[in-house]
Amino acid sequence: MTTGLWELVLRGVWTTVQLLVLSALLGAVVAFVAGVARTHRRWPVRFLAGFYTEVFRGTSALVMIFWVFFVLPPAFGWQLVPLWAGTLALGLTYGAYGAEIVRGALLAVDPAQNEGGIALGFTPGQRTRKILLPQAVPEMIPPFSNLLVELLKGTALVSVMGMGDLAFSGNLVRLALQESAEIYTYVLLIYFVMAFALTRLMRGLEGRLKAGVR
């Protein structure tokens, strides 16, 4: 490929990285809020959190992107740029899956730990922050690592909005070169390298967090 075409691919990589980071941050916030809410002692809170997770886990991420980008503007009178539309759709969708990871990890903590916090007079919020989450977070890292890789692959869906991510840029290069095998092989390798880097990063984070718990 020529230098200009490589620059187009690299710009696509940068767009994918931005989308991944922003949607991962949004998804993490949503996952922890909804996941903790699903263990709340009050049923209305649990119901609302459960309703959110079931709706977003039960709908297609691609359709959600279409809905955010094409339905919201006429409904509310404002238009999101593709980057923010993709961030919102992917963050909320994958955050719903993350919420189940958080809920499961919190429920897996030894009940005696929670009972000890009650005996010490901790409030529910203090027990969650100081006892449950420090023990649960290290156990969340492996499934979160898998979810992050799935999110990376899911970023390719934003190409339907004409957003210049890696998948969209790769397709433009394919049209320019009229060569599918070469460019899509490069795109696959780039996605693999990014996913491999994410898994190694998350594995290192897991080791540090578990060392801190010990």
N, C-alpha and C. Protein backbone atom coordinates (compact mmCIF):
# COMPACT_ATOMS: atom_id res chain seq x y z
N MET A 1 0.84 -1.20 0.00
CA MET A 1 0.00 0.00 0.00
C MET A 1 0.87 1.24 0.00
N THR A 2 0.34 2.32 -0.55
CA THR A 2 1.06 3.59 -0.56
C THR A 2 1.00 4.24 0.81
N THR A 3 1.87 5.26 0.98
CA THR A 3 1.93 5.96 2.27
C THR A 3 0.59 6.60 2.63
N GLY A 4 -0.08 7.18 1.62
CA GLY A 4 -1.37 7.83 1.88
C GLY A 4 -2.42 6.85 2.38
N LEU A 5 -2.42 5.64 1.82
CA LEU A 5 -3.40 4.64 2.24
C LEU A 5 -3.08 4.14 3.65
N TRP A 6 -1.80 3.99 3.97
CA TRP A 6 -1.43 3.60 5.33
C TRP A 6 -1.85 4.67 6.33
N GLU A 7 -1.71 5.94 5.95
CA GLU A 7 -2.14 7.02 6.84
C GLU A 7 -3.65 6.94 7.09
N LEU A 8 -4.41 6.57 6.08
CA LEU A 8 -5.85 6.41 6.23
C LEU A 8 -6.16 5.29 7.22
N VAL A 9 -5.44 4.17 7.11
CA VAL A 9 -5.64 3.06 8.04
C VAL A 9 -5.27 3.47 9.47
N LEU A 10 -4.17 4.19 9.61
CA LEU A 10 -3.73 4.62 10.95
C LEU A 10 -4.72 5.59 11.57
N ARG A 11 -5.31 6.46 10.76
CA ARG A 11 -6.35 7.35 11.29
C ARG A 11 -7.55 6.52 11.76
N GLY A 12 -7.85 5.45 11.02
CA GLY A 12 -8.92 4.56 11.45
C GLY A 12 -8.61 3.87 12.76
N VAL A 13 -7.34 3.47 12.94
CA VAL A 13 -6.92 2.86 14.21
C VAL A 13 -7.10 3.85 15.35
N TRP A 14 -6.70 5.09 15.14
CA TRP A 14 -6.82 6.11 16.18
C TRP A 14 -8.29 6.36 16.54
N THR A 15 -9.15 6.40 15.54
CA THR A 15 -10.59 6.57 15.80
C THR A 15 -11.13 5.39 16.59
N THR A 16 -10.72 4.18 16.24
CA THR A 16 -11.16 2.99 16.98
C THR A 16 -10.69 3.04 18.42
N VAL A 17 -9.45 3.47 18.64
CA VAL A 17 -8.93 3.57 20.01
C VAL A 17 -9.73 4.59 20.82
N GLN A 18 -10.02 5.74 20.23
CA GLN A 18 -10.82 6.75 20.93
C GLN A 18 -12.19 6.20 21.31
N LEU A 19 -12.82 5.56 20.35
CA LEU A 19 -14.15 5.00 20.60
C LEU A 19 -14.09 3.92 21.67
N LEU A 20 -13.07 3.08 21.63
CA LEU A 20 -12.92 2.02 22.62
C LEU A 20 -12.75 2.59 24.02
N VAL A 21 -11.88 3.58 24.16
CA VAL A 21 -11.61 4.16 25.48
C VAL A 21 -12.86 4.86 26.04
N LEU A 22 -13.50 5.67 25.21
CA LEU A 22 -14.67 6.41 25.68
C LEU A 22 -15.83 5.49 26.03
N SER A 23 -16.12 4.52 25.17
CA SER A 23 -17.23 3.62 25.45
C SER A 23 -16.91 2.68 26.61
N ALA A 24 -15.63 2.32 26.78
CA ALA A 24 -15.24 1.49 27.93
C ALA A 24 -15.41 2.25 29.24
N LEU A 25 -15.04 3.53 29.24
CA LEU A 25 -15.21 4.34 30.45
C LEU A 25 -16.69 4.48 30.80
N LEU A 26 -17.52 4.80 29.80
CA LEU A 26 -18.95 4.90 30.05
C LEU A 26 -19.51 3.56 30.50
N GLY A 27 -19.12 2.49 29.82
CA GLY A 27 -19.61 1.17 30.18
C GLY A 27 -19.21 0.76 31.59
N ALA A 28 -17.98 1.12 32.01
CA ALA A 28 -17.52 0.78 33.36
C ALA A 28 -18.35 1.50 34.42
N VAL A 29 -18.60 2.79 34.20
CA VAL A 29 -19.42 3.55 35.15
C VAL A 29 -20.82 2.96 35.24
N VAL A 30 -21.42 2.71 34.09
CA VAL A 30 -22.77 2.14 34.06
C VAL A 30 -22.79 0.76 34.70
N ALA A 31 -21.77 -0.05 34.43
CA ALA A 31 -21.71 -1.41 34.97
C ALA A 31 -21.66 -1.40 36.50
N PHE A 32 -20.84 -0.54 37.06
CA PHE A 32 -20.73 -0.51 38.52
C PHE A 32 -21.99 0.06 39.17
N VAL A 33 -22.55 1.10 38.57
CA VAL A 33 -23.77 1.67 39.14
C VAL A 33 -24.91 0.67 39.08
N ALA A 34 -25.13 0.08 37.91
CA ALA A 34 -26.22 -0.87 37.75
C ALA A 34 -25.96 -2.17 38.51
N GLY A 35 -24.70 -2.62 38.51
CA GLY A 35 -24.38 -3.86 39.21
C GLY A 35 -24.57 -3.76 40.72
N VAL A 36 -24.12 -2.65 41.29
CA VAL A 36 -24.33 -2.43 42.73
C VAL A 36 -25.82 -2.26 43.02
N ALA A 37 -26.52 -1.55 42.12
CA ALA A 37 -27.96 -1.34 42.33
C ALA A 37 -28.73 -2.66 42.31
N ARG A 38 -28.24 -3.64 41.55
CA ARG A 38 -28.92 -4.93 41.48
C ARG A 38 -28.79 -5.72 42.78
N THR A 39 -27.89 -5.31 43.66
CA THR A 39 -27.76 -5.96 44.97
C THR A 39 -28.35 -5.09 46.09
N HIS A 40 -29.02 -4.01 45.73
CA HIS A 40 -29.57 -3.08 46.71
C HIS A 40 -30.69 -3.74 47.52
N ARG A 41 -30.82 -3.29 48.76
CA ARG A 41 -31.83 -3.90 49.63
C ARG A 41 -33.25 -3.49 49.26
N ARG A 42 -33.42 -2.40 48.51
CA ARG A 42 -34.76 -1.94 48.14
C ARG A 42 -35.13 -2.45 46.76
N TRP A 43 -36.31 -3.07 46.66
CA TRP A 43 -36.68 -3.72 45.40
C TRP A 43 -36.88 -2.75 44.24
N PRO A 44 -37.38 -1.50 44.45
CA PRO A 44 -37.50 -0.61 43.27
C PRO A 44 -36.16 -0.33 42.60
N VAL A 45 -35.11 -0.21 43.42
CA VAL A 45 -33.78 0.03 42.86
C VAL A 45 -33.33 -1.21 42.08
N ARG A 46 -33.52 -2.37 42.67
CA ARG A 46 -33.15 -3.61 41.98
C ARG A 46 -33.95 -3.78 40.69
N PHE A 47 -35.23 -3.42 40.73
CA PHE A 47 -36.08 -3.57 39.55
C PHE A 47 -35.61 -2.68 38.41
N LEU A 48 -35.33 -1.42 38.72
CA LEU A 48 -34.89 -0.48 37.66
C LEU A 48 -33.56 -0.92 37.06
N ALA A 49 -32.64 -1.34 37.92
CA ALA A 49 -31.35 -1.80 37.41
C ALA A 49 -31.52 -3.07 36.58
N GLY A 50 -32.37 -3.97 37.04
CA GLY A 50 -32.63 -5.20 36.29
C GLY A 50 -33.32 -4.92 34.97
N PHE A 51 -34.23 -3.96 34.96
CA PHE A 51 -34.92 -3.60 33.71
C PHE A 51 -33.93 -3.07 32.69
N TYR A 52 -33.03 -2.21 33.13
CA TYR A 52 -32.02 -1.67 32.21
C TYR A 52 -31.16 -2.80 31.64
N THR A 53 -30.64 -3.68 32.48
CA THR A 53 -29.76 -4.73 32.00
C THR A 53 -30.47 -5.68 31.03
N GLU A 54 -31.72 -6.02 31.34
CA GLU A 54 -32.44 -6.94 30.46
C GLU A 54 -32.75 -6.29 29.10
N VAL A 55 -33.09 -5.01 29.11
CA VAL A 55 -33.40 -4.33 27.84
C VAL A 55 -32.17 -4.25 26.96
N PHE A 56 -31.04 -3.83 27.52
CA PHE A 56 -29.86 -3.62 26.70
C PHE A 56 -29.13 -4.91 26.37
N ARG A 57 -29.27 -5.93 27.20
CA ARG A 57 -28.70 -7.23 26.84
C ARG A 57 -29.57 -7.95 25.82
N GLY A 58 -30.83 -7.59 25.77
CA GLY A 58 -31.76 -8.26 24.87
C GLY A 58 -31.95 -7.58 23.54
N THR A 59 -31.21 -6.51 23.28
CA THR A 59 -31.32 -5.81 22.00
C THR A 59 -29.98 -5.83 21.27
N SER A 60 -30.02 -5.65 19.98
CA SER A 60 -28.81 -5.68 19.16
C SER A 60 -28.03 -4.38 19.30
N ALA A 61 -26.71 -4.50 19.45
CA ALA A 61 -25.87 -3.30 19.52
C ALA A 61 -25.95 -2.51 18.23
N LEU A 62 -26.04 -3.21 17.10
CA LEU A 62 -26.14 -2.53 15.81
C LEU A 62 -27.43 -1.72 15.72
N VAL A 63 -28.55 -2.32 16.13
CA VAL A 63 -29.82 -1.60 16.10
C VAL A 63 -29.80 -0.44 17.08
N MET A 64 -29.14 -0.61 18.23
CA MET A 64 -29.03 0.47 19.20
C MET A 64 -28.25 1.65 18.60
N ILE A 65 -27.20 1.36 17.84
CA ILE A 65 -26.45 2.43 17.18
C ILE A 65 -27.35 3.17 16.19
N PHE A 66 -28.11 2.40 15.39
CA PHE A 66 -29.06 3.03 14.47
C PHE A 66 -30.05 3.90 15.24
N TRP A 67 -30.55 3.40 16.37
CA TRP A 67 -31.58 4.12 17.14
C TRP A 67 -31.02 5.42 17.69
N VAL A 68 -29.81 5.35 18.25
CA VAL A 68 -29.20 6.56 18.83
C VAL A 68 -28.87 7.59 17.75
N PHE A 69 -28.42 7.11 16.59
CA PHE A 69 -27.96 8.05 15.56
C PHE A 69 -29.10 8.59 14.70
N PHE A 70 -30.13 7.74 14.44
CA PHE A 70 -31.17 8.15 13.52
C PHE A 70 -32.51 8.48 14.18
N VAL A 71 -32.80 7.88 15.34
CA VAL A 71 -34.10 8.08 15.99
C VAL A 71 -34.06 9.24 16.97
N LEU A 72 -32.99 9.36 17.74
CA LEU A 72 -32.91 10.43 18.74
C LEU A 72 -32.99 11.84 18.14
N PRO A 73 -32.31 12.11 17.00
CA PRO A 73 -32.36 13.49 16.48
C PRO A 73 -33.76 14.03 16.23
N PRO A 74 -34.63 13.33 15.46
CA PRO A 74 -35.97 13.88 15.27
C PRO A 74 -36.83 13.84 16.53
N ALA A 75 -36.55 12.88 17.43
CA ALA A 75 -37.36 12.75 18.64
C ALA A 75 -37.06 13.86 19.65
N PHE A 76 -35.80 14.27 19.75
CA PHE A 76 -35.40 15.24 20.77
C PHE A 76 -34.84 16.53 20.20
N GLY A 77 -34.72 16.61 18.89
CA GLY A 77 -34.31 17.86 18.28
C GLY A 77 -32.83 18.15 18.34
N TRP A 78 -31.99 17.16 18.56
CA TRP A 78 -30.55 17.39 18.53
C TRP A 78 -29.86 16.19 17.90
N GLN A 79 -28.67 16.44 17.37
CA GLN A 79 -27.95 15.42 16.61
C GLN A 79 -26.60 15.13 17.28
N LEU A 80 -26.33 13.86 17.52
CA LEU A 80 -25.04 13.46 18.04
C LEU A 80 -24.08 13.20 16.88
N VAL A 81 -22.83 13.64 17.04
CA VAL A 81 -21.83 13.29 16.04
C VAL A 81 -21.58 11.78 16.15
N PRO A 82 -21.09 11.14 15.09
CA PRO A 82 -20.94 9.68 15.12
C PRO A 82 -20.13 9.15 16.29
N LEU A 83 -19.05 9.86 16.69
CA LEU A 83 -18.23 9.37 17.80
C LEU A 83 -19.03 9.27 19.08
N TRP A 84 -19.82 10.30 19.39
CA TRP A 84 -20.58 10.29 20.64
C TRP A 84 -21.79 9.36 20.54
N ALA A 85 -22.37 9.25 19.36
CA ALA A 85 -23.47 8.30 19.18
C ALA A 85 -22.98 6.87 19.39
N GLY A 86 -21.82 6.55 18.82
CA GLY A 86 -21.24 5.22 19.00
C GLY A 86 -20.85 4.96 20.44
N THR A 87 -20.28 5.98 21.09
CA THR A 87 -19.90 5.84 22.49
C THR A 87 -21.11 5.56 23.36
N LEU A 88 -22.18 6.31 23.15
CA LEU A 88 -23.39 6.13 23.95
C LEU A 88 -24.00 4.75 23.73
N ALA A 89 -24.15 4.35 22.48
CA ALA A 89 -24.78 3.07 22.18
C ALA A 89 -23.95 1.90 22.69
N LEU A 90 -22.65 1.91 22.43
CA LEU A 90 -21.80 0.81 22.86
C LEU A 90 -21.60 0.80 24.37
N GLY A 91 -21.44 1.99 24.97
CA GLY A 91 -21.24 2.06 26.42
C GLY A 91 -22.44 1.52 27.18
N LEU A 92 -23.64 1.91 26.76
CA LEU A 92 -24.84 1.43 27.44
C LEU A 92 -25.07 -0.07 27.19
N THR A 93 -24.78 -0.52 25.98
CA THR A 93 -25.00 -1.93 25.66
C THR A 93 -24.04 -2.84 26.42
N TYR A 94 -22.76 -2.55 26.33
CA TYR A 94 -21.78 -3.40 27.00
C TYR A 94 -21.76 -3.15 28.51
N GLY A 95 -22.20 -1.97 28.93
CA GLY A 95 -22.33 -1.73 30.36
C GLY A 95 -23.36 -2.64 31.00
N ALA A 96 -24.40 -3.01 30.24
CA ALA A 96 -25.41 -3.93 30.76
C ALA A 96 -24.82 -5.31 31.04
N TYR A 97 -23.94 -5.76 30.15
CA TYR A 97 -23.26 -7.03 30.39
C TYR A 97 -22.30 -6.90 31.58
N GLY A 98 -21.62 -5.77 31.66
CA GLY A 98 -20.72 -5.54 32.79
C GLY A 98 -21.44 -5.50 34.11
N ALA A 99 -22.68 -5.02 34.11
CA ALA A 99 -23.45 -4.95 35.36
C ALA A 99 -23.66 -6.34 35.95
N GLU A 100 -23.87 -7.32 35.10
CA GLU A 100 -24.03 -8.70 35.58
C GLU A 100 -22.73 -9.24 36.15
N ILE A 101 -21.60 -8.83 35.59
CA ILE A 101 -20.31 -9.23 36.13
C ILE A 101 -20.13 -8.66 37.53
N VAL A 102 -20.46 -7.38 37.69
CA VAL A 102 -20.33 -6.72 38.99
C VAL A 102 -21.26 -7.38 40.01
N ARG A 103 -22.49 -7.61 39.62
CA ARG A 103 -23.45 -8.23 40.53
C ARG A 103 -22.98 -9.61 40.98
N GLY A 104 -22.53 -10.41 40.02
CA GLY A 104 -22.08 -11.75 40.36
C GLY A 104 -20.88 -11.75 41.28
N ALA A 105 -19.94 -10.82 41.04
CA ALA A 105 -18.74 -10.76 41.89
C ALA A 105 -19.09 -10.31 43.30
N LEU A 106 -20.01 -9.37 43.43
CA LEU A 106 -20.41 -8.91 44.76
C LEU A 106 -21.10 -10.02 45.54
N LEU A 107 -21.96 -10.78 44.86
CA LEU A 107 -22.67 -11.86 45.54
C LEU A 107 -21.76 -13.03 45.88
N ALA A 108 -20.61 -13.11 45.20
CA ALA A 108 -19.67 -14.21 45.46
C ALA A 108 -18.79 -13.97 46.68
N VAL A 109 -18.77 -12.75 47.20
CA VAL A 109 -17.98 -12.47 48.39
C VAL A 109 -18.57 -13.22 49.58
N ASP A 110 -17.72 -13.77 50.40
CA ASP A 110 -18.15 -14.54 51.57
C ASP A 110 -19.15 -13.72 52.41
N PRO A 111 -20.35 -14.23 52.65
CA PRO A 111 -21.34 -13.48 53.45
C PRO A 111 -20.82 -13.08 54.83
N ALA A 112 -19.87 -13.84 55.35
CA ALA A 112 -19.32 -13.51 56.67
C ALA A 112 -18.64 -12.15 56.66
N GLN A 113 -18.10 -11.75 55.50
CA GLN A 113 -17.46 -10.45 55.39
C GLN A 113 -18.49 -9.33 55.58
N ASN A 114 -19.64 -9.49 54.95
CA ASN A 114 -20.71 -8.50 55.09
C ASN A 114 -21.24 -8.49 56.51
N GLU A 115 -21.38 -9.66 57.10
CA GLU A 115 -21.87 -9.74 58.47
C GLU A 115 -20.89 -9.08 59.45
N GLY A 116 -19.60 -9.22 59.16
CA GLY A 116 -18.61 -8.55 60.00
C GLY A 116 -18.74 -7.04 59.93
N GLY A 117 -19.05 -6.52 58.72
CA GLY A 117 -19.25 -5.08 58.58
C GLY A 117 -20.47 -4.61 59.35
N ILE A 118 -21.52 -5.44 59.35
CA ILE A 118 -22.72 -5.09 60.13
C ILE A 118 -22.39 -5.06 61.61
N ALA A 119 -21.61 -6.03 62.06
CA ALA A 119 -21.23 -6.08 63.48
C ALA A 119 -20.40 -4.87 63.89
N LEU A 120 -19.63 -4.33 62.94
CA LEU A 120 -18.81 -3.15 63.23
C LEU A 120 -19.58 -1.84 63.10
N GLY A 121 -20.86 -1.95 62.70
CA GLY A 121 -21.70 -0.75 62.60
C GLY A 121 -21.56 0.00 61.29
N PHE A 122 -21.03 -0.64 60.25
CA PHE A 122 -20.91 0.02 58.96
C PHE A 122 -22.28 0.16 58.30
N THR A 123 -22.47 1.27 57.61
CA THR A 123 -23.68 1.45 56.82
C THR A 123 -23.59 0.57 55.57
N PRO A 124 -24.73 0.34 54.87
CA PRO A 124 -24.66 -0.45 53.63
C PRO A 124 -23.67 0.11 52.61
N GLY A 125 -23.64 1.43 52.47
CA GLY A 125 -22.70 2.04 51.54
C GLY A 125 -21.26 1.81 51.96
N GLN A 126 -20.97 1.92 53.25
CA GLN A 126 -19.62 1.68 53.73
C GLN A 126 -19.22 0.22 53.54
N ARG A 127 -20.15 -0.70 53.77
CA ARG A 127 -19.83 -2.11 53.58
C ARG A 127 -19.51 -2.40 52.11
N THR A 128 -20.26 -1.76 51.22
CA THR A 128 -20.00 -1.97 49.79
C THR A 128 -18.64 -1.42 49.39
N ARG A 129 -18.34 -0.19 49.83
CA ARG A 129 -17.10 0.47 49.43
C ARG A 129 -15.86 -0.13 50.08
N LYS A 130 -15.96 -0.45 51.37
CA LYS A 130 -14.77 -0.82 52.13
C LYS A 130 -14.56 -2.33 52.27
N ILE A 131 -15.61 -3.10 52.08
CA ILE A 131 -15.49 -4.55 52.30
C ILE A 131 -15.74 -5.34 51.02
N LEU A 132 -16.91 -5.10 50.40
CA LEU A 132 -17.31 -5.94 49.27
C LEU A 132 -16.52 -5.63 47.99
N LEU A 133 -16.50 -4.36 47.58
CA LEU A 133 -15.85 -4.02 46.32
C LEU A 133 -14.34 -4.34 46.30
N PRO A 134 -13.58 -4.04 47.37
CA PRO A 134 -12.15 -4.39 47.32
C PRO A 134 -11.90 -5.87 47.10
N GLN A 135 -12.80 -6.73 47.58
CA GLN A 135 -12.62 -8.17 47.38
C GLN A 135 -13.21 -8.63 46.05
N ALA A 136 -14.25 -7.94 45.59
CA ALA A 136 -14.93 -8.38 44.37
C ALA A 136 -14.24 -7.90 43.10
N VAL A 137 -13.64 -6.72 43.13
CA VAL A 137 -13.07 -6.14 41.91
C VAL A 137 -12.01 -7.05 41.27
N PRO A 138 -11.05 -7.64 42.03
CA PRO A 138 -10.09 -8.52 41.36
C PRO A 138 -10.74 -9.69 40.63
N GLU A 139 -11.86 -10.18 41.17
CA GLU A 139 -12.55 -11.30 40.51
C GLU A 139 -13.31 -10.85 39.26
N MET A 140 -13.53 -9.55 39.12
CA MET A 140 -14.22 -9.04 37.94
C MET A 140 -13.29 -8.90 36.74
N ILE A 141 -11.98 -8.84 36.98
CA ILE A 141 -11.05 -8.49 35.91
C ILE A 141 -11.06 -9.50 34.75
N PRO A 142 -11.00 -10.83 35.00
CA PRO A 142 -11.01 -11.75 33.84
C PRO A 142 -12.25 -11.61 32.96
N PRO A 143 -13.48 -11.61 33.54
CA PRO A 143 -14.63 -11.42 32.64
C PRO A 143 -14.68 -10.03 32.03
N PHE A 144 -14.20 -9.02 32.75
CA PHE A 144 -14.14 -7.68 32.17
C PHE A 144 -13.15 -7.65 31.00
N SER A 145 -12.07 -8.41 31.12
CA SER A 145 -11.09 -8.48 30.03
C SER A 145 -11.74 -9.04 28.77
N ASN A 146 -12.52 -10.11 28.93
CA ASN A 146 -13.23 -10.68 27.79
C ASN A 146 -14.23 -9.69 27.20
N LEU A 147 -14.92 -8.98 28.09
CA LEU A 147 -15.92 -8.02 27.63
C LEU A 147 -15.26 -6.86 26.89
N LEU A 148 -14.07 -6.47 27.34
CA LEU A 148 -13.36 -5.37 26.69
C LEU A 148 -12.94 -5.77 25.28
N VAL A 149 -12.51 -7.01 25.11
CA VAL A 149 -12.15 -7.50 23.78
C VAL A 149 -13.39 -7.53 22.88
N GLU A 150 -14.52 -7.97 23.45
CA GLU A 150 -15.77 -7.97 22.68
C GLU A 150 -16.16 -6.54 22.29
N LEU A 151 -15.93 -5.59 23.19
CA LEU A 151 -16.22 -4.19 22.89
C LEU A 151 -15.33 -3.70 21.76
N LEU A 152 -14.05 -4.08 21.79
CA LEU A 152 -13.14 -3.69 20.71
C LEU A 152 -13.68 -4.18 19.37
N LYS A 153 -14.10 -5.42 19.31
CA LYS A 153 -14.65 -5.95 18.06
C LYS A 153 -15.98 -5.28 17.71
N GLY A 154 -16.73 -4.90 18.73
CA GLY A 154 -18.01 -4.24 18.50
C GLY A 154 -17.88 -2.84 17.94
N THR A 155 -16.70 -2.22 18.12
CA THR A 155 -16.52 -0.86 17.59
C THR A 155 -16.64 -0.84 16.07
N ALA A 156 -16.42 -1.99 15.41
CA ALA A 156 -16.53 -2.02 13.95
C ALA A 156 -17.95 -1.72 13.49
N LEU A 157 -18.93 -1.86 14.38
CA LEU A 157 -20.32 -1.60 14.00
C LEU A 157 -20.57 -0.14 13.65
N VAL A 158 -19.73 0.77 14.19
CA VAL A 158 -19.97 2.20 13.93
C VAL A 158 -19.71 2.57 12.49
N SER A 159 -19.08 1.68 11.74
CA SER A 159 -18.82 1.98 10.33
C SER A 159 -20.13 2.17 9.54
N VAL A 160 -21.25 1.65 10.08
CA VAL A 160 -22.53 1.83 9.39
C VAL A 160 -22.97 3.29 9.40
N MET A 161 -22.41 4.10 10.31
CA MET A 161 -22.73 5.52 10.35
C MET A 161 -21.80 6.33 9.46
N GLY A 162 -20.88 5.65 8.78
CA GLY A 162 -19.90 6.37 7.98
C GLY A 162 -18.76 6.91 8.80
N MET A 163 -18.61 6.41 10.05
CA MET A 163 -17.53 6.85 10.92
C MET A 163 -16.23 6.21 10.49
N GLY A 164 -15.15 6.98 10.42
CA GLY A 164 -13.89 6.50 9.88
C GLY A 164 -13.08 5.68 10.84
N ASP A 165 -13.66 4.60 11.36
CA ASP A 165 -12.90 3.72 12.24
C ASP A 165 -12.03 2.78 11.41
N LEU A 166 -11.41 1.80 12.07
CA LEU A 166 -10.52 0.89 11.37
C LEU A 166 -11.25 0.10 10.29
N ALA A 167 -12.43 -0.43 10.61
CA ALA A 167 -13.18 -1.21 9.63
C ALA A 167 -13.58 -0.37 8.42
N PHE A 168 -14.05 0.86 8.68
CA PHE A 168 -14.47 1.74 7.59
C PHE A 168 -13.27 2.15 6.73
N SER A 169 -12.16 2.49 7.37
CA SER A 169 -10.96 2.88 6.63
C SER A 169 -10.43 1.73 5.80
N GLY A 170 -10.46 0.52 6.40
CA GLY A 170 -10.02 -0.64 5.65
C GLY A 170 -10.85 -0.87 4.41
N ASN A 171 -12.14 -0.64 4.51
CA ASN A 171 -13.01 -0.82 3.34
C ASN A 171 -12.71 0.22 2.26
N LEU A 172 -12.41 1.46 2.68
CA LEU A 172 -12.05 2.49 1.70
C LEU A 172 -10.77 2.11 0.96
N VAL A 173 -9.80 1.59 1.72
CA VAL A 173 -8.55 1.17 1.08
C VAL A 173 -8.81 0.00 0.13
N ARG A 174 -9.68 -0.91 0.53
CA ARG A 174 -10.02 -2.04 -0.35
C ARG A 174 -10.61 -1.55 -1.67
N LEU A 175 -11.48 -0.56 -1.60
CA LEU A 175 -12.08 -0.01 -2.82
C LEU A 175 -11.03 0.67 -3.69
N ALA A 176 -10.07 1.32 -3.01
CA ALA A 176 -9.03 2.03 -3.77
C ALA A 176 -8.08 1.06 -4.46
N LEU A 177 -7.76 -0.03 -3.78
CA LEU A 177 -6.79 -0.99 -4.33
C LEU A 177 -7.44 -2.11 -5.13
N GLN A 178 -8.76 -2.28 -4.94
CA GLN A 178 -9.46 -3.40 -5.54
C GLN A 178 -8.79 -4.73 -5.15
N GLU A 179 -8.41 -4.79 -3.86
CA GLU A 179 -7.73 -5.97 -3.33
C GLU A 179 -8.28 -6.25 -1.94
N SER A 180 -9.04 -7.33 -1.82
CA SER A 180 -9.69 -7.63 -0.54
C SER A 180 -8.79 -8.42 0.40
N ALA A 181 -8.10 -9.43 -0.13
CA ALA A 181 -7.34 -10.33 0.74
C ALA A 181 -6.27 -9.59 1.53
N GLU A 182 -5.51 -8.74 0.85
CA GLU A 182 -4.39 -8.07 1.52
C GLU A 182 -4.88 -7.12 2.61
N ILE A 183 -5.81 -6.23 2.28
CA ILE A 183 -6.21 -5.21 3.25
C ILE A 183 -6.95 -5.82 4.43
N TYR A 184 -7.83 -6.78 4.17
CA TYR A 184 -8.58 -7.36 5.29
C TYR A 184 -7.69 -8.24 6.16
N THR A 185 -6.62 -8.79 5.60
CA THR A 185 -5.64 -9.50 6.42
C THR A 185 -4.94 -8.53 7.36
N TYR A 186 -4.56 -7.36 6.83
CA TYR A 186 -3.95 -6.34 7.68
C TYR A 186 -4.91 -5.89 8.78
N VAL A 187 -6.17 -5.69 8.43
CA VAL A 187 -7.16 -5.24 9.41
C VAL A 187 -7.34 -6.29 10.51
N LEU A 188 -7.41 -7.55 10.12
CA LEU A 188 -7.53 -8.63 11.11
C LEU A 188 -6.33 -8.65 12.06
N LEU A 189 -5.14 -8.48 11.50
CA LEU A 189 -3.93 -8.49 12.33
C LEU A 189 -3.92 -7.31 13.29
N ILE A 190 -4.36 -6.16 12.83
CA ILE A 190 -4.38 -4.98 13.70
C ILE A 190 -5.36 -5.19 14.85
N TYR A 191 -6.54 -5.73 14.56
CA TYR A 191 -7.50 -6.02 15.63
C TYR A 191 -6.91 -7.04 16.60
N PHE A 192 -6.21 -8.05 16.09
CA PHE A 192 -5.62 -9.06 16.96
C PHE A 192 -4.57 -8.45 17.88
N VAL A 193 -3.71 -7.60 17.34
CA VAL A 193 -2.67 -6.97 18.15
C VAL A 193 -3.29 -6.11 19.24
N MET A 194 -4.32 -5.36 18.90
CA MET A 194 -4.99 -4.52 19.89
C MET A 194 -5.65 -5.37 20.97
N ALA A 195 -6.30 -6.46 20.58
CA ALA A 195 -6.95 -7.33 21.54
C ALA A 195 -5.92 -8.00 22.45
N PHE A 196 -4.81 -8.43 21.87
CA PHE A 196 -3.75 -9.07 22.66
C PHE A 196 -3.18 -8.09 23.69
N ALA A 197 -2.97 -6.85 23.27
CA ALA A 197 -2.45 -5.84 24.19
C ALA A 197 -3.44 -5.59 25.33
N LEU A 198 -4.72 -5.57 25.02
CA LEU A 198 -5.73 -5.38 26.07
C LEU A 198 -5.72 -6.52 27.08
N THR A 199 -5.65 -7.76 26.60
CA THR A 199 -5.66 -8.90 27.52
C THR A 199 -4.43 -8.90 28.41
N ARG A 200 -3.27 -8.55 27.85
CA ARG A 200 -2.06 -8.50 28.68
C ARG A 200 -2.15 -7.39 29.71
N LEU A 201 -2.70 -6.25 29.32
CA LEU A 201 -2.87 -5.14 30.25
C LEU A 201 -3.81 -5.52 31.39
N MET A 202 -4.92 -6.15 31.05
CA MET A 202 -5.88 -6.55 32.08
C MET A 202 -5.32 -7.64 32.97
N ARG A 203 -4.51 -8.53 32.43
CA ARG A 203 -3.90 -9.57 33.25
C ARG A 203 -2.94 -8.97 34.26
N GLY A 204 -2.17 -7.97 33.84
CA GLY A 204 -1.28 -7.29 34.77
C GLY A 204 -2.05 -6.56 35.85
N LEU A 205 -3.16 -5.93 35.48
CA LEU A 205 -4.00 -5.25 36.45
C LEU A 205 -4.58 -6.23 37.46
N GLU A 206 -5.00 -7.39 36.97
CA GLU A 206 -5.55 -8.41 37.86
C GLU A 206 -4.52 -8.85 38.90
N GLY A 207 -3.28 -9.07 38.44
CA GLY A 207 -2.23 -9.48 39.37
C GLY A 207 -1.96 -8.44 40.44
N ARG A 208 -1.96 -7.17 40.06
CA ARG A 208 -1.70 -6.11 41.04
C ARG A 208 -2.84 -5.99 42.05
N LEU A 209 -4.07 -6.10 41.56
CA LEU A 209 -5.21 -5.99 42.47
C LEU A 209 -5.27 -7.16 43.44
N LYS A 210 -4.99 -8.37 42.96
CA LYS A 210 -5.01 -9.52 43.86
C LYS A 210 -3.88 -9.47 44.87
N ALA A 211 -2.74 -8.92 44.46
CA ALA A 211 -1.65 -8.74 45.40
C ALA A 211 -2.04 -7.75 46.49
N GLY A 212 -2.78 -6.71 46.10
CA GLY A 212 -3.21 -5.73 47.09
C GLY A 212 -4.20 -6.32 48.08
N VAL A 213 -5.09 -7.21 47.60
CA VAL A 213 -6.04 -7.84 48.51
C VAL A 213 -5.34 -8.74 49.49
N ARG A 214 -4.32 -9.51 49.00
CA ARG A 214 -3.60 -10.37 49.90
C ARG A 214 -2.88 -9.57 50.96
